[in-house]
């Protein structure tokens, strides 16, 4: 991925504003999809490459909240020594019952192999807007060979001016707030993207 400097970032936002003014929705969508201003929310202190994480009981899921408006750009997944396919859904869920979906924010599917590395970045087709006081679930149905596993995950991570809190939740395939999949989330905060303010 290309790295943008401060001047490049400013130019990109100016270009986006012009494209929006002239109604160039396709260009706005392309600019929004590019992961400029990306902040890593690293919840896993350890990526275990010795043991393996199996995929046989359904989705791997994690539930989280944010304390200010931001955009979810994608997620980090644990790599594999073989290959697997991921079907990822991002849901808003009910605060009292995480298994009840309020709405689907994004769905994306992609395949990966061991050449993609120990940590895989899966980007959404377009940024998903996250708001405070709402609960969100990442739900990944992964099919293929076993992967590595993230461990010693933190309940709360603060990065890019956003506090992300991971909730107590045991998913069908075993991922929870302490271990499993989703070692990282990738966000862009309102401070990095004035359009959110």
N, C-alpha and C. Protein backbone atom coordinates (compact mmCIF):
# COMPACT_ATOMS: atom_id res chain seq x y z
N UNK A 1 0.83 -1.17 0.00
CA UNK A 1 0.00 0.00 0.00
C UNK A 1 0.88 1.24 0.00
N UNK A 2 0.52 2.25 -0.77
CA UNK A 2 1.27 3.49 -0.81
C UNK A 2 1.06 4.27 0.47
N UNK A 3 2.09 4.97 0.89
CA UNK A 3 2.01 5.81 2.09
C UNK A 3 1.82 7.26 1.66
N UNK A 4 0.86 7.94 2.29
CA UNK A 4 0.59 9.32 1.95
C UNK A 4 1.19 10.25 2.98
N UNK A 5 1.85 11.33 2.53
CA UNK A 5 2.34 12.36 3.43
C UNK A 5 1.23 13.35 3.74
N UNK A 6 1.50 14.29 4.62
CA UNK A 6 0.51 15.28 5.03
C UNK A 6 0.00 16.09 3.84
N UNK A 7 0.91 16.53 2.94
CA UNK A 7 0.48 17.31 1.77
C UNK A 7 -0.36 16.47 0.82
N UNK A 8 0.05 15.19 0.62
CA UNK A 8 -0.73 14.29 -0.23
C UNK A 8 -2.14 14.10 0.33
N UNK A 9 -2.21 13.93 1.66
CA UNK A 9 -3.49 13.71 2.32
C UNK A 9 -4.39 14.93 2.15
N UNK A 10 -3.81 16.14 2.33
CA UNK A 10 -4.57 17.38 2.16
C UNK A 10 -5.08 17.49 0.72
N UNK A 11 -4.22 17.18 -0.25
CA UNK A 11 -4.62 17.24 -1.66
C UNK A 11 -5.76 16.26 -1.94
N UNK A 12 -5.66 15.06 -1.36
CA UNK A 12 -6.69 14.05 -1.57
C UNK A 12 -8.03 14.52 -1.03
N UNK A 13 -8.03 15.17 0.14
CA UNK A 13 -9.28 15.68 0.70
C UNK A 13 -9.84 16.82 -0.14
N UNK A 14 -8.95 17.67 -0.69
CA UNK A 14 -9.40 18.75 -1.58
C UNK A 14 -10.02 18.17 -2.85
N UNK A 15 -9.37 17.16 -3.40
CA UNK A 15 -9.89 16.49 -4.59
C UNK A 15 -11.25 15.87 -4.31
N UNK A 16 -11.38 15.25 -3.14
CA UNK A 16 -12.65 14.64 -2.76
C UNK A 16 -13.76 15.70 -2.66
N UNK A 17 -13.44 16.84 -2.04
CA UNK A 17 -14.42 17.92 -1.90
C UNK A 17 -14.88 18.43 -3.27
N UNK A 18 -13.94 18.58 -4.19
CA UNK A 18 -14.29 19.02 -5.55
C UNK A 18 -15.16 17.99 -6.25
N UNK A 19 -14.76 16.72 -6.13
CA UNK A 19 -15.53 15.65 -6.78
C UNK A 19 -16.95 15.61 -6.22
N UNK A 20 -17.08 15.82 -4.91
CA UNK A 20 -18.41 15.83 -4.30
C UNK A 20 -19.22 17.03 -4.80
N UNK A 21 -18.59 18.18 -4.90
CA UNK A 21 -19.26 19.40 -5.37
C UNK A 21 -19.82 19.21 -6.78
N UNK A 22 -19.03 18.57 -7.66
CA UNK A 22 -19.46 18.36 -9.05
C UNK A 22 -20.28 17.09 -9.25
N UNK A 23 -20.59 16.41 -8.16
CA UNK A 23 -21.44 15.23 -8.26
C UNK A 23 -20.76 14.02 -8.88
N UNK A 24 -19.44 13.96 -8.78
CA UNK A 24 -18.69 12.82 -9.33
C UNK A 24 -18.65 11.70 -8.29
N UNK A 25 -19.79 11.04 -8.13
CA UNK A 25 -19.95 10.05 -7.06
C UNK A 25 -18.98 8.87 -7.20
N UNK A 26 -18.66 8.50 -8.42
CA UNK A 26 -17.71 7.40 -8.63
C UNK A 26 -16.32 7.74 -8.11
N UNK A 27 -15.88 8.96 -8.35
CA UNK A 27 -14.57 9.40 -7.88
C UNK A 27 -14.57 9.52 -6.35
N UNK A 28 -15.65 10.05 -5.79
CA UNK A 28 -15.77 10.14 -4.32
C UNK A 28 -15.67 8.75 -3.71
N UNK A 29 -16.36 7.80 -4.31
CA UNK A 29 -16.33 6.43 -3.79
C UNK A 29 -14.93 5.84 -3.86
N UNK A 30 -14.22 6.09 -4.96
CA UNK A 30 -12.85 5.58 -5.09
C UNK A 30 -11.91 6.20 -4.06
N UNK A 31 -12.04 7.49 -3.84
CA UNK A 31 -11.20 8.16 -2.84
C UNK A 31 -11.52 7.63 -1.45
N UNK A 32 -12.80 7.46 -1.14
CA UNK A 32 -13.19 6.97 0.18
C UNK A 32 -12.72 5.54 0.42
N UNK A 33 -12.65 4.78 -0.67
CA UNK A 33 -12.23 3.38 -0.51
C UNK A 33 -10.73 3.26 -0.24
N UNK A 34 -9.95 4.21 -0.75
CA UNK A 34 -8.50 4.16 -0.55
C UNK A 34 -8.20 4.34 0.93
N UNK A 35 -7.37 3.48 1.51
CA UNK A 35 -7.18 3.53 2.98
C UNK A 35 -6.21 4.61 3.45
N UNK A 36 -6.40 5.85 2.99
CA UNK A 36 -5.57 6.95 3.50
C UNK A 36 -5.99 7.24 4.94
N UNK A 37 -5.05 7.72 5.74
CA UNK A 37 -5.36 8.05 7.13
C UNK A 37 -5.70 6.84 7.97
N UNK A 38 -5.24 5.67 7.55
CA UNK A 38 -5.57 4.43 8.25
C UNK A 38 -4.90 4.39 9.61
N UNK A 39 -5.66 4.00 10.63
CA UNK A 39 -5.15 3.78 11.98
C UNK A 39 -5.35 2.32 12.34
N UNK A 40 -4.30 1.69 12.84
CA UNK A 40 -4.39 0.28 13.27
C UNK A 40 -4.90 0.21 14.70
N UNK A 41 -5.96 -0.54 14.90
CA UNK A 41 -6.44 -0.87 16.24
C UNK A 41 -5.93 -2.28 16.50
N UNK A 42 -4.83 -2.38 17.22
CA UNK A 42 -4.17 -3.66 17.43
C UNK A 42 -4.62 -4.23 18.77
N UNK A 43 -5.55 -5.20 18.72
CA UNK A 43 -6.09 -5.73 19.96
C UNK A 43 -5.28 -6.91 20.48
N UNK A 44 -4.54 -7.60 19.61
CA UNK A 44 -3.79 -8.80 20.01
C UNK A 44 -2.37 -8.44 20.39
N UNK A 45 -1.95 -8.87 21.57
CA UNK A 45 -0.57 -8.68 22.00
C UNK A 45 0.34 -9.74 21.41
N UNK A 46 -0.24 -10.86 20.98
CA UNK A 46 0.57 -11.98 20.50
C UNK A 46 -0.14 -12.67 19.32
N UNK A 47 0.62 -12.96 18.28
CA UNK A 47 0.11 -13.77 17.16
C UNK A 47 0.78 -15.13 17.25
N UNK A 48 0.02 -16.13 17.62
CA UNK A 48 0.55 -17.48 17.84
C UNK A 48 0.66 -18.20 16.49
N UNK A 49 1.90 -18.45 16.06
CA UNK A 49 2.12 -19.15 14.78
C UNK A 49 2.48 -20.62 15.00
N UNK A 50 2.51 -21.05 16.27
CA UNK A 50 2.85 -22.45 16.59
C UNK A 50 1.60 -23.33 16.58
N UNK A 51 0.55 -22.85 17.27
CA UNK A 51 -0.71 -23.60 17.30
C UNK A 51 -1.58 -23.18 16.12
N UNK A 52 -2.63 -23.91 15.86
CA UNK A 52 -3.49 -23.59 14.73
C UNK A 52 -4.92 -23.36 15.18
N UNK A 53 -5.62 -22.56 14.40
CA UNK A 53 -7.03 -22.23 14.65
C UNK A 53 -7.85 -22.92 13.57
N UNK A 54 -8.75 -23.82 14.00
CA UNK A 54 -9.52 -24.63 13.04
C UNK A 54 -10.83 -23.95 12.69
N UNK A 55 -11.37 -24.32 11.53
CA UNK A 55 -12.61 -23.74 11.04
C UNK A 55 -13.61 -24.85 10.75
N UNK A 56 -14.46 -25.13 11.75
CA UNK A 56 -15.43 -26.21 11.54
C UNK A 56 -16.76 -25.96 12.24
N UNK A 57 -16.86 -24.91 13.06
CA UNK A 57 -18.08 -24.72 13.85
C UNK A 57 -18.86 -23.46 13.50
N UNK A 58 -18.57 -22.85 12.36
CA UNK A 58 -19.32 -21.65 11.98
C UNK A 58 -18.46 -20.40 11.99
N UNK A 59 -19.07 -19.27 12.29
CA UNK A 59 -18.41 -17.97 12.18
C UNK A 59 -17.49 -17.68 13.37
N UNK A 60 -16.43 -16.94 13.05
CA UNK A 60 -15.62 -16.30 14.08
C UNK A 60 -16.13 -14.88 14.19
N UNK A 61 -16.39 -14.42 15.42
CA UNK A 61 -17.02 -13.12 15.60
C UNK A 61 -16.38 -12.36 16.76
N UNK A 62 -16.46 -11.04 16.68
CA UNK A 62 -16.07 -10.18 17.78
C UNK A 62 -17.03 -9.00 17.79
N UNK A 63 -17.40 -8.54 18.99
CA UNK A 63 -18.34 -7.43 19.16
C UNK A 63 -17.58 -6.26 19.78
N UNK A 64 -17.84 -5.04 19.27
CA UNK A 64 -17.10 -3.88 19.77
C UNK A 64 -17.93 -2.61 19.69
N UNK A 65 -17.47 -1.59 20.42
CA UNK A 65 -18.06 -0.26 20.37
C UNK A 65 -16.95 0.76 20.14
N UNK A 66 -17.32 1.95 19.70
CA UNK A 66 -16.37 3.06 19.56
C UNK A 66 -16.92 4.24 20.35
N UNK A 67 -16.03 5.14 20.80
CA UNK A 67 -16.49 6.27 21.60
C UNK A 67 -16.69 7.54 20.79
N UNK A 68 -16.35 7.51 19.49
CA UNK A 68 -16.60 8.65 18.61
C UNK A 68 -16.75 8.15 17.18
N UNK A 69 -17.34 8.99 16.34
CA UNK A 69 -17.59 8.59 14.96
C UNK A 69 -16.28 8.29 14.24
N UNK A 70 -16.27 7.22 13.49
CA UNK A 70 -15.11 6.84 12.68
C UNK A 70 -15.59 5.94 11.56
N UNK A 71 -14.67 5.61 10.66
CA UNK A 71 -14.99 4.69 9.57
C UNK A 71 -14.18 3.41 9.76
N UNK A 72 -14.83 2.28 9.59
CA UNK A 72 -14.13 1.00 9.56
C UNK A 72 -13.70 0.75 8.13
N UNK A 73 -12.39 0.61 7.90
CA UNK A 73 -11.86 0.39 6.56
C UNK A 73 -11.63 -1.09 6.27
N UNK A 74 -11.38 -1.88 7.31
CA UNK A 74 -11.10 -3.30 7.11
C UNK A 74 -10.68 -3.94 8.41
N UNK A 75 -10.25 -5.20 8.30
CA UNK A 75 -9.84 -5.97 9.47
C UNK A 75 -8.56 -6.72 9.16
N UNK A 76 -7.82 -7.02 10.21
CA UNK A 76 -6.68 -7.90 10.11
C UNK A 76 -7.12 -9.31 10.47
N UNK A 77 -6.62 -10.27 9.74
CA UNK A 77 -6.91 -11.68 10.00
C UNK A 77 -5.60 -12.43 10.20
N UNK A 78 -5.68 -13.54 10.90
CA UNK A 78 -4.50 -14.39 11.11
C UNK A 78 -4.22 -15.16 9.83
N UNK A 79 -2.96 -15.17 9.43
CA UNK A 79 -2.56 -15.86 8.21
C UNK A 79 -2.60 -17.38 8.36
N UNK A 80 -2.26 -18.07 7.28
CA UNK A 80 -2.35 -19.52 7.24
C UNK A 80 -1.14 -20.09 6.50
N UNK A 81 -0.84 -21.36 6.77
CA UNK A 81 0.21 -22.06 6.03
C UNK A 81 -0.33 -22.66 4.74
N UNK A 82 -1.63 -22.60 4.55
CA UNK A 82 -2.26 -23.13 3.34
C UNK A 82 -3.00 -22.04 2.59
N UNK A 83 -4.34 -22.17 2.55
CA UNK A 83 -5.19 -21.17 1.88
C UNK A 83 -6.58 -21.24 2.48
N UNK A 84 -7.25 -20.09 2.51
CA UNK A 84 -8.64 -20.07 2.95
C UNK A 84 -9.41 -18.94 2.27
N UNK A 85 -10.74 -19.06 2.35
CA UNK A 85 -11.65 -18.04 1.82
C UNK A 85 -12.42 -17.45 2.99
N UNK A 86 -12.58 -16.14 2.99
CA UNK A 86 -13.28 -15.43 4.06
C UNK A 86 -14.53 -14.76 3.50
N UNK A 87 -15.64 -14.95 4.18
CA UNK A 87 -16.86 -14.18 3.93
C UNK A 87 -17.10 -13.35 5.18
N UNK A 88 -16.84 -12.05 5.09
CA UNK A 88 -16.93 -11.16 6.25
C UNK A 88 -18.18 -10.30 6.16
N UNK A 89 -18.92 -10.24 7.26
CA UNK A 89 -20.06 -9.34 7.40
C UNK A 89 -19.81 -8.42 8.58
N UNK A 90 -20.19 -7.16 8.42
CA UNK A 90 -20.13 -6.18 9.50
C UNK A 90 -21.56 -5.81 9.83
N UNK A 91 -21.98 -6.08 11.07
CA UNK A 91 -23.35 -5.83 11.50
C UNK A 91 -23.40 -4.78 12.60
N UNK A 92 -24.49 -4.05 12.66
CA UNK A 92 -24.87 -3.38 13.90
C UNK A 92 -25.76 -4.37 14.63
N UNK A 93 -25.52 -4.56 15.93
CA UNK A 93 -26.28 -5.54 16.71
C UNK A 93 -26.94 -4.85 17.90
N UNK A 94 -27.92 -5.53 18.49
CA UNK A 94 -28.64 -4.98 19.63
C UNK A 94 -27.73 -4.98 20.87
N UNK A 95 -27.79 -3.92 21.68
CA UNK A 95 -26.91 -3.81 22.85
C UNK A 95 -27.12 -4.92 23.89
N UNK A 96 -28.35 -5.37 24.07
CA UNK A 96 -28.62 -6.38 25.10
C UNK A 96 -28.50 -7.80 24.58
N UNK A 97 -28.58 -7.97 23.25
CA UNK A 97 -28.54 -9.32 22.67
C UNK A 97 -27.75 -9.27 21.37
N UNK A 98 -26.44 -9.55 21.46
CA UNK A 98 -25.54 -9.41 20.31
C UNK A 98 -25.92 -10.31 19.14
N UNK A 99 -26.64 -11.38 19.40
CA UNK A 99 -27.00 -12.29 18.30
C UNK A 99 -28.13 -11.71 17.44
N UNK A 100 -28.75 -10.62 17.88
CA UNK A 100 -29.82 -9.98 17.09
C UNK A 100 -29.22 -8.85 16.26
N UNK A 101 -29.30 -9.00 14.94
CA UNK A 101 -28.75 -7.99 14.03
C UNK A 101 -29.75 -6.86 13.83
N UNK A 102 -29.26 -5.61 13.91
CA UNK A 102 -30.08 -4.44 13.60
C UNK A 102 -30.03 -4.19 12.09
N UNK A 103 -28.79 -4.22 11.53
CA UNK A 103 -28.63 -4.06 10.09
C UNK A 103 -27.24 -4.54 9.67
N UNK A 104 -27.08 -4.78 8.37
CA UNK A 104 -25.78 -5.16 7.81
C UNK A 104 -25.14 -3.92 7.21
N UNK A 105 -23.91 -3.60 7.66
CA UNK A 105 -23.21 -2.43 7.15
C UNK A 105 -22.38 -2.76 5.92
N UNK A 106 -21.77 -3.94 5.90
CA UNK A 106 -20.90 -4.33 4.79
C UNK A 106 -20.83 -5.84 4.70
N UNK A 107 -20.57 -6.34 3.50
CA UNK A 107 -20.26 -7.75 3.27
C UNK A 107 -19.16 -7.80 2.22
N UNK A 108 -18.17 -8.64 2.45
CA UNK A 108 -17.06 -8.78 1.50
C UNK A 108 -16.53 -10.20 1.58
N UNK A 109 -16.05 -10.71 0.45
CA UNK A 109 -15.47 -12.05 0.42
C UNK A 109 -14.15 -12.01 -0.34
N UNK A 110 -13.18 -12.78 0.13
CA UNK A 110 -11.87 -12.81 -0.52
C UNK A 110 -11.14 -14.08 -0.12
N UNK A 111 -10.22 -14.52 -0.98
CA UNK A 111 -9.39 -15.69 -0.69
C UNK A 111 -7.96 -15.26 -0.42
N UNK A 112 -7.27 -16.01 0.45
CA UNK A 112 -5.89 -15.72 0.82
C UNK A 112 -5.08 -17.01 0.86
N UNK A 113 -3.77 -16.87 0.68
CA UNK A 113 -2.86 -18.01 0.78
C UNK A 113 -1.72 -17.66 1.73
N UNK A 114 -0.83 -18.62 1.95
CA UNK A 114 0.29 -18.38 2.86
C UNK A 114 1.21 -17.27 2.36
N UNK A 115 1.19 -16.99 1.06
CA UNK A 115 2.04 -15.92 0.53
C UNK A 115 1.56 -14.53 0.97
N UNK A 116 0.34 -14.43 1.51
CA UNK A 116 -0.18 -13.16 2.00
C UNK A 116 0.38 -12.78 3.36
N UNK A 117 1.12 -13.70 4.01
CA UNK A 117 1.79 -13.38 5.26
C UNK A 117 1.09 -13.89 6.50
N UNK A 118 1.74 -13.63 7.65
CA UNK A 118 1.20 -14.09 8.93
C UNK A 118 0.03 -13.23 9.39
N UNK A 119 -0.03 -11.99 8.93
CA UNK A 119 -1.15 -11.11 9.23
C UNK A 119 -1.72 -10.61 7.90
N UNK A 120 -3.00 -10.85 7.70
CA UNK A 120 -3.66 -10.54 6.43
C UNK A 120 -4.56 -9.32 6.61
N UNK A 121 -4.52 -8.40 5.65
CA UNK A 121 -5.42 -7.25 5.68
C UNK A 121 -6.55 -7.46 4.69
N UNK A 122 -7.76 -7.45 5.21
CA UNK A 122 -8.96 -7.57 4.38
C UNK A 122 -9.69 -6.23 4.43
N UNK A 123 -9.72 -5.52 3.29
CA UNK A 123 -10.36 -4.21 3.24
C UNK A 123 -11.81 -4.36 2.78
N UNK A 124 -12.67 -3.50 3.32
CA UNK A 124 -14.07 -3.47 2.90
C UNK A 124 -14.18 -2.82 1.53
N UNK A 125 -15.29 -3.06 0.86
CA UNK A 125 -15.50 -2.46 -0.46
C UNK A 125 -15.63 -0.95 -0.38
N UNK A 126 -16.15 -0.46 0.74
CA UNK A 126 -16.22 0.97 1.01
C UNK A 126 -16.24 1.13 2.52
N UNK A 127 -15.81 2.29 3.04
CA UNK A 127 -15.77 2.46 4.50
C UNK A 127 -17.15 2.32 5.13
N UNK A 128 -17.19 1.71 6.31
CA UNK A 128 -18.44 1.58 7.07
C UNK A 128 -18.42 2.59 8.21
N UNK A 129 -19.43 3.45 8.27
CA UNK A 129 -19.49 4.49 9.29
C UNK A 129 -19.91 3.87 10.62
N UNK A 130 -19.09 4.10 11.66
CA UNK A 130 -19.37 3.62 13.01
C UNK A 130 -19.70 4.82 13.89
N UNK A 131 -20.67 4.66 14.77
CA UNK A 131 -21.10 5.74 15.66
C UNK A 131 -21.00 5.31 17.11
N UNK A 132 -20.75 6.26 18.01
CA UNK A 132 -20.74 5.92 19.44
C UNK A 132 -22.12 5.46 19.89
N UNK A 133 -22.15 4.74 21.02
CA UNK A 133 -23.38 4.23 21.63
C UNK A 133 -24.09 3.19 20.77
N UNK A 134 -23.36 2.61 19.81
CA UNK A 134 -23.91 1.49 19.03
C UNK A 134 -22.95 0.31 19.15
N UNK A 135 -23.47 -0.88 18.95
CA UNK A 135 -22.67 -2.09 19.07
C UNK A 135 -22.52 -2.73 17.68
N UNK A 136 -21.30 -3.16 17.38
CA UNK A 136 -21.00 -3.71 16.06
C UNK A 136 -20.39 -5.09 16.19
N UNK A 137 -20.68 -5.94 15.22
CA UNK A 137 -20.12 -7.28 15.18
C UNK A 137 -19.40 -7.51 13.86
N UNK A 138 -18.19 -8.06 13.95
CA UNK A 138 -17.48 -8.59 12.79
C UNK A 138 -17.75 -10.08 12.79
N UNK A 139 -18.26 -10.60 11.69
CA UNK A 139 -18.59 -12.02 11.60
C UNK A 139 -17.95 -12.60 10.34
N UNK A 140 -17.00 -13.51 10.53
CA UNK A 140 -16.26 -14.08 9.40
C UNK A 140 -16.50 -15.58 9.31
N UNK A 141 -17.01 -16.03 8.17
CA UNK A 141 -17.10 -17.45 7.89
C UNK A 141 -15.87 -17.80 7.05
N UNK A 142 -14.96 -18.58 7.64
CA UNK A 142 -13.69 -18.90 6.99
C UNK A 142 -13.69 -20.38 6.64
N UNK A 143 -13.33 -20.68 5.39
CA UNK A 143 -13.28 -22.07 4.93
C UNK A 143 -11.92 -22.33 4.31
N UNK A 144 -11.29 -23.41 4.73
CA UNK A 144 -9.98 -23.77 4.19
C UNK A 144 -9.08 -24.32 5.27
N UNK A 145 -7.79 -24.18 5.07
CA UNK A 145 -6.83 -24.73 6.03
C UNK A 145 -6.80 -23.90 7.31
N UNK A 146 -6.29 -24.52 8.36
CA UNK A 146 -6.20 -23.86 9.67
C UNK A 146 -5.30 -22.63 9.57
N UNK A 147 -5.54 -21.69 10.48
CA UNK A 147 -4.76 -20.45 10.48
C UNK A 147 -3.98 -20.33 11.78
N UNK A 148 -3.23 -19.24 11.87
CA UNK A 148 -2.61 -18.89 13.13
C UNK A 148 -3.71 -18.36 14.05
N UNK A 149 -3.33 -17.92 15.24
CA UNK A 149 -4.32 -17.49 16.23
C UNK A 149 -3.79 -16.27 16.98
N UNK A 150 -4.65 -15.29 17.23
CA UNK A 150 -4.22 -14.16 18.05
C UNK A 150 -4.60 -14.43 19.50
N UNK A 151 -3.71 -14.01 20.40
CA UNK A 151 -3.90 -14.26 21.82
C UNK A 151 -3.59 -13.02 22.63
N UNK A 152 -3.94 -13.08 23.91
CA UNK A 152 -3.69 -11.97 24.84
C UNK A 152 -4.27 -10.67 24.29
N UNK A 153 -5.53 -10.74 23.87
CA UNK A 153 -6.19 -9.58 23.28
C UNK A 153 -6.66 -8.61 24.37
N UNK A 154 -6.58 -7.33 24.06
CA UNK A 154 -6.98 -6.29 25.01
C UNK A 154 -8.46 -5.98 24.89
N UNK A 155 -9.08 -5.65 26.03
CA UNK A 155 -10.49 -5.28 26.05
C UNK A 155 -10.72 -3.92 25.42
N UNK A 156 -9.75 -3.02 25.60
CA UNK A 156 -9.88 -1.64 25.12
C UNK A 156 -8.59 -1.21 24.44
N UNK A 157 -8.73 -0.57 23.29
CA UNK A 157 -7.57 -0.03 22.56
C UNK A 157 -7.91 1.40 22.18
N UNK A 158 -6.97 2.33 22.43
CA UNK A 158 -7.14 3.72 22.03
C UNK A 158 -6.09 4.05 20.97
N UNK A 159 -6.54 4.48 19.80
CA UNK A 159 -5.63 4.84 18.71
C UNK A 159 -6.35 5.82 17.80
N UNK A 160 -5.60 6.78 17.25
CA UNK A 160 -6.18 7.76 16.34
C UNK A 160 -7.28 8.58 16.97
N UNK A 161 -7.24 8.74 18.31
CA UNK A 161 -8.26 9.51 19.01
C UNK A 161 -9.56 8.78 19.23
N UNK A 162 -9.59 7.47 18.93
CA UNK A 162 -10.81 6.66 19.09
C UNK A 162 -10.55 5.54 20.10
N UNK A 163 -11.48 5.38 21.05
CA UNK A 163 -11.41 4.26 21.99
C UNK A 163 -12.32 3.15 21.48
N UNK A 164 -11.73 1.99 21.22
CA UNK A 164 -12.49 0.82 20.77
C UNK A 164 -12.55 -0.17 21.93
N UNK A 165 -13.76 -0.54 22.33
CA UNK A 165 -13.96 -1.47 23.44
C UNK A 165 -14.54 -2.77 22.91
N UNK A 166 -13.86 -3.87 23.22
CA UNK A 166 -14.31 -5.19 22.77
C UNK A 166 -15.15 -5.83 23.87
N UNK A 167 -16.31 -6.33 23.47
CA UNK A 167 -17.28 -6.84 24.43
C UNK A 167 -17.12 -8.34 24.66
N UNK A 168 -17.61 -8.78 25.81
CA UNK A 168 -17.57 -10.21 26.13
C UNK A 168 -18.56 -10.96 25.23
N UNK A 169 -18.01 -11.85 24.39
CA UNK A 169 -18.85 -12.58 23.42
C UNK A 169 -18.09 -13.80 22.92
N UNK A 170 -18.72 -14.96 22.97
CA UNK A 170 -18.12 -16.21 22.48
C UNK A 170 -18.81 -16.57 21.17
N UNK A 171 -18.06 -16.56 20.08
CA UNK A 171 -18.65 -16.84 18.77
C UNK A 171 -18.73 -18.34 18.52
N UNK A 172 -19.51 -18.76 17.52
CA UNK A 172 -19.68 -20.19 17.25
C UNK A 172 -18.36 -20.94 17.05
N UNK A 173 -17.37 -20.32 16.41
CA UNK A 173 -16.10 -21.01 16.16
C UNK A 173 -15.04 -20.72 17.23
N UNK A 174 -15.43 -20.00 18.28
CA UNK A 174 -14.54 -19.85 19.42
C UNK A 174 -13.85 -18.52 19.61
N UNK A 175 -13.83 -17.66 18.57
CA UNK A 175 -13.23 -16.33 18.76
C UNK A 175 -14.03 -15.58 19.81
N UNK A 176 -13.31 -14.92 20.73
CA UNK A 176 -13.96 -14.09 21.74
C UNK A 176 -13.14 -12.83 21.97
N UNK A 177 -13.41 -12.12 23.04
CA UNK A 177 -12.71 -10.87 23.29
C UNK A 177 -11.25 -11.07 23.69
N UNK A 178 -10.85 -12.32 23.98
CA UNK A 178 -9.48 -12.58 24.46
C UNK A 178 -8.58 -13.27 23.43
N UNK A 179 -9.16 -14.00 22.48
CA UNK A 179 -8.33 -14.74 21.53
C UNK A 179 -9.13 -15.14 20.29
N UNK A 180 -8.41 -15.68 19.29
CA UNK A 180 -9.06 -16.20 18.09
C UNK A 180 -8.64 -15.45 16.84
N UNK A 181 -9.62 -14.91 16.12
CA UNK A 181 -9.36 -14.14 14.91
C UNK A 181 -9.43 -12.64 15.21
N UNK A 182 -9.26 -11.83 14.18
CA UNK A 182 -9.32 -10.37 14.24
C UNK A 182 -8.25 -9.75 15.14
N UNK A 183 -6.98 -9.99 14.86
CA UNK A 183 -5.93 -9.35 15.66
C UNK A 183 -5.92 -7.83 15.52
N UNK A 184 -6.46 -7.31 14.41
CA UNK A 184 -6.45 -5.87 14.19
C UNK A 184 -7.73 -5.41 13.50
N UNK A 185 -8.08 -4.14 13.71
CA UNK A 185 -9.11 -3.44 12.94
C UNK A 185 -8.44 -2.23 12.32
N UNK A 186 -8.94 -1.77 11.19
CA UNK A 186 -8.40 -0.60 10.52
C UNK A 186 -9.49 0.45 10.42
N UNK A 187 -9.23 1.61 11.03
CA UNK A 187 -10.23 2.67 11.06
C UNK A 187 -9.64 3.97 10.52
N UNK A 188 -10.52 4.91 10.24
CA UNK A 188 -10.14 6.29 9.92
C UNK A 188 -11.05 7.17 10.78
N UNK A 189 -10.46 7.98 11.63
CA UNK A 189 -11.25 8.78 12.56
C UNK A 189 -11.71 10.08 11.91
N UNK A 190 -12.64 10.76 12.59
CA UNK A 190 -13.19 12.02 12.08
C UNK A 190 -12.09 13.06 11.96
N UNK A 191 -11.09 12.99 12.85
CA UNK A 191 -9.98 13.95 12.80
C UNK A 191 -9.17 13.75 11.51
N UNK A 192 -9.14 12.52 11.02
CA UNK A 192 -8.41 12.22 9.79
C UNK A 192 -9.28 12.44 8.56
N UNK A 193 -10.57 12.49 8.74
CA UNK A 193 -11.51 12.58 7.62
C UNK A 193 -12.60 13.59 8.00
N UNK A 194 -12.38 14.88 7.72
CA UNK A 194 -13.33 15.93 8.12
C UNK A 194 -14.77 15.71 7.66
N UNK A 195 -14.98 14.88 6.63
CA UNK A 195 -16.33 14.63 6.14
C UNK A 195 -17.18 14.00 7.23
N UNK A 196 -16.55 13.29 8.19
CA UNK A 196 -17.31 12.64 9.26
C UNK A 196 -17.77 13.63 10.31
N UNK A 197 -17.10 14.75 10.44
CA UNK A 197 -17.36 15.67 11.55
C UNK A 197 -18.74 16.30 11.45
